[in-house]
């Protein structure tokens, strides 16, 4: 692990934060109702993970590209996941901006707004052989994905009740 500023980490954080800042002005109507029911432990893990991931990707140069090898496919896969994350947000911002729109599957990824960046940073940690980022992403993933799975489950339950359907296959 090599200390130093990582421009790749900085770019990833920008790719993560810009759509989230735009989202703050484009939240689904019922989001606050779901947010107030969030599990405290998952929220704590999410916040700790966010801070750790943000700091680690900036202070280790391990994530910046070096000579191209087969190992570089981890970086390519990570970057592809970040591109999919941006496309997920593009679809959301062009939608009706409902909770269903936010939690719709994207390219086969459930709760894509949570899973895509977590996987991207996990692969970035593998590429950089940085155990600290990998551990921080696991903490983040448990909290972030866990919270959004709860939201998605709540949205499905509300929609099922509203439509009068009761079974999982309805």
Protein backbone atom coordinates (compact mmCIF):
# COMPACT_ATOMS: atom_id res chain seq x y z
CA UNK A 1 0.00 0.00 0.00
CA UNK A 2 1.39 3.34 -1.09
CA UNK A 3 0.40 6.60 0.57
CA UNK A 4 -0.30 9.58 -1.65
CA UNK A 5 -3.18 11.31 -3.38
CA UNK A 6 -5.16 9.07 -5.76
CA UNK A 7 -6.66 10.87 -8.73
CA UNK A 8 -8.68 7.74 -9.55
CA UNK A 9 -10.14 7.80 -6.04
CA UNK A 10 -10.98 11.48 -6.52
CA UNK A 11 -12.71 10.78 -9.86
CA UNK A 12 -14.69 7.92 -8.31
CA UNK A 13 -15.84 10.16 -5.46
CA UNK A 14 -16.95 12.80 -7.97
CA UNK A 15 -18.84 10.14 -9.96
CA UNK A 16 -20.49 9.09 -6.72
CA UNK A 17 -21.28 12.50 -5.26
CA UNK A 18 -22.48 14.52 -8.26
CA UNK A 19 -25.61 12.44 -8.94
CA UNK A 20 -26.30 12.27 -5.20
CA UNK A 21 -26.17 16.05 -4.94
CA UNK A 22 -28.58 16.33 -7.88
CA UNK A 23 -30.80 13.70 -6.22
CA UNK A 24 -31.19 15.89 -3.13
CA UNK A 25 -33.33 18.20 -5.31
CA UNK A 26 -35.08 15.25 -7.01
CA UNK A 27 -36.00 12.90 -4.16
CA UNK A 28 -39.03 10.66 -4.56
CA UNK A 29 -42.07 11.97 -2.73
CA UNK A 30 -42.21 9.13 -0.17
CA UNK A 31 -38.48 8.94 0.50
CA UNK A 32 -38.59 10.73 3.85
CA UNK A 33 -41.24 8.30 5.11
CA UNK A 34 -38.93 5.36 4.33
CA UNK A 35 -35.84 7.14 5.66
CA UNK A 36 -37.34 7.68 9.11
CA UNK A 37 -37.77 3.89 9.47
CA UNK A 38 -34.11 3.05 8.76
CA UNK A 39 -32.39 0.51 10.97
CA UNK A 40 -30.01 2.35 13.32
CA UNK A 41 -27.23 -0.26 13.10
CA UNK A 42 -27.34 -0.28 9.30
CA UNK A 43 -27.30 3.52 9.26
CA UNK A 44 -24.28 3.55 11.58
CA UNK A 45 -22.41 1.04 9.38
CA UNK A 46 -23.30 3.03 6.27
CA UNK A 47 -21.96 6.30 7.74
CA UNK A 48 -18.74 4.72 9.03
CA UNK A 49 -18.25 2.98 5.69
CA UNK A 50 -18.83 6.21 3.75
CA UNK A 51 -16.19 8.07 5.74
CA UNK A 52 -13.65 5.24 5.59
CA UNK A 53 -14.09 4.62 1.85
CA UNK A 54 -13.88 8.35 1.07
CA UNK A 55 -10.67 8.81 3.02
CA UNK A 56 -8.99 5.59 1.88
CA UNK A 57 -9.55 6.14 -1.86
CA UNK A 58 -7.99 9.59 -1.56
CA UNK A 59 -4.91 8.81 0.58
CA UNK A 60 -3.63 5.65 -1.14
CA UNK A 61 -2.14 5.78 -4.65
CA UNK A 62 -2.81 2.05 -5.10
CA UNK A 63 -5.87 2.76 -7.22
CA UNK A 64 -4.15 4.80 -9.92
CA UNK A 65 -3.37 2.84 -13.10
CA UNK A 66 0.03 1.29 -13.58
CA UNK A 67 1.35 -1.02 -16.28
CA UNK A 68 -1.43 -2.85 -18.11
CA UNK A 69 -1.68 -6.53 -17.10
CA UNK A 70 -4.45 -9.04 -16.75
CA UNK A 71 -4.88 -7.67 -13.20
CA UNK A 72 -5.98 -4.37 -14.77
CA UNK A 73 -9.28 -6.06 -15.66
CA UNK A 74 -10.28 -5.42 -12.02
CA UNK A 75 -9.90 -1.69 -12.65
CA UNK A 76 -11.79 -1.96 -15.94
CA UNK A 77 -14.63 -3.89 -14.26
CA UNK A 78 -14.73 -1.34 -11.46
CA UNK A 79 -14.93 1.54 -13.93
CA UNK A 80 -17.66 -0.25 -15.92
CA UNK A 81 -19.71 -0.55 -12.73
CA UNK A 82 -19.29 3.19 -12.11
CA UNK A 83 -20.46 3.89 -15.68
CA UNK A 84 -23.52 1.70 -15.04
CA UNK A 85 -24.09 3.67 -11.84
CA UNK A 86 -24.13 6.92 -13.84
CA UNK A 87 -26.54 5.37 -16.35
CA UNK A 88 -28.77 4.22 -13.49
CA UNK A 89 -29.00 7.84 -12.31
CA UNK A 90 -29.62 9.06 -15.83
CA UNK A 91 -32.61 6.70 -16.05
CA UNK A 92 -33.87 7.82 -12.64
CA UNK A 93 -33.60 11.55 -13.44
CA UNK A 94 -35.53 11.02 -16.69
CA UNK A 95 -38.25 9.03 -14.90
CA UNK A 96 -41.21 10.19 -12.84
CA UNK A 97 -38.85 10.13 -9.81
CA UNK A 98 -40.99 7.83 -7.70
CA UNK A 99 -39.79 5.33 -5.11
CA UNK A 100 -40.51 2.57 -7.63
CA UNK A 101 -38.29 4.34 -10.16
CA UNK A 102 -35.49 4.61 -7.61
CA UNK A 103 -35.64 0.95 -6.64
CA UNK A 104 -36.26 -0.62 -10.05
CA UNK A 105 -33.68 -3.18 -11.13
CA UNK A 106 -31.05 -1.83 -13.53
CA UNK A 107 -29.05 -4.12 -15.83
CA UNK A 108 -29.88 -7.04 -13.54
CA UNK A 109 -28.65 -5.31 -10.38
CA UNK A 110 -31.21 -5.07 -7.57
CA UNK A 111 -31.21 -1.71 -5.73
CA UNK A 112 -28.64 -0.59 -8.30
CA UNK A 113 -28.11 2.82 -6.72
CA UNK A 114 -26.61 1.03 -3.72
CA UNK A 115 -25.08 -2.12 -5.20
CA UNK A 116 -23.27 -0.65 -8.22
CA UNK A 117 -21.02 1.80 -6.37
CA UNK A 118 -20.33 -0.67 -3.56
CA UNK A 119 -19.22 -3.28 -6.09
CA UNK A 120 -17.21 -0.69 -8.03
CA UNK A 121 -15.26 0.35 -4.93
CA UNK A 122 -14.83 -3.30 -3.89
CA UNK A 123 -13.28 -4.13 -7.27
CA UNK A 124 -11.14 -0.99 -6.99
CA UNK A 125 -9.87 -2.31 -3.65
CA UNK A 126 -9.02 -5.63 -5.25
CA UNK A 127 -7.23 -3.87 -8.11
CA UNK A 128 -5.18 -1.81 -5.66
CA UNK A 129 -4.59 -4.79 -3.37
CA UNK A 130 -5.73 -2.52 -0.57
CA UNK A 131 -7.19 -4.53 2.28
CA UNK A 132 -8.29 -1.34 4.08
CA UNK A 133 -10.54 -0.31 1.20
CA UNK A 134 -11.94 -3.82 0.86
CA UNK A 135 -12.82 -3.93 4.58
CA UNK A 136 -14.29 -0.41 4.49
CA UNK A 137 -16.42 -1.33 1.46
CA UNK A 138 -17.74 -4.42 3.25
CA UNK A 139 -18.83 -2.21 6.17
CA UNK A 140 -20.35 0.31 3.74
CA UNK A 141 -22.07 -2.44 1.74
CA UNK A 142 -23.70 -4.02 4.76
CA UNK A 143 -25.14 -0.68 5.82
CA UNK A 144 -25.89 0.94 2.47
CA UNK A 145 -27.25 -2.06 0.61
CA UNK A 146 -29.08 -3.23 3.74
CA UNK A 147 -30.87 0.11 4.12
CA UNK A 148 -31.86 0.24 0.47
CA UNK A 149 -33.09 -3.36 0.48
CA UNK A 150 -35.33 -2.38 3.40
CA UNK A 151 -36.59 0.63 1.43
CA UNK A 152 -37.21 -1.51 -1.64
CA UNK A 153 -39.08 -4.08 0.45
CA UNK A 154 -41.23 -1.32 1.97
CA UNK A 155 -41.99 0.12 -1.48
CA UNK A 156 -43.02 -3.32 -2.77
CA UNK A 157 -45.26 -3.81 0.29
CA UNK A 158 -46.95 -0.43 -0.19
CA UNK A 159 -47.51 -1.09 -3.90
CA UNK A 160 -48.85 -4.58 -3.20
CA UNK A 161 -51.34 -3.18 -0.64
CA UNK A 162 -52.38 -0.37 -2.98
CA UNK A 163 -53.08 -2.80 -5.81
CA UNK A 164 -54.81 -5.36 -3.57
CA UNK A 165 -52.27 -8.05 -4.45
CA UNK A 166 -50.93 -10.20 -1.65
CA UNK A 167 -48.62 -12.83 -3.12
CA UNK A 168 -44.98 -12.46 -4.14
CA UNK A 169 -45.85 -13.38 -7.73
CA UNK A 170 -48.73 -10.94 -8.10
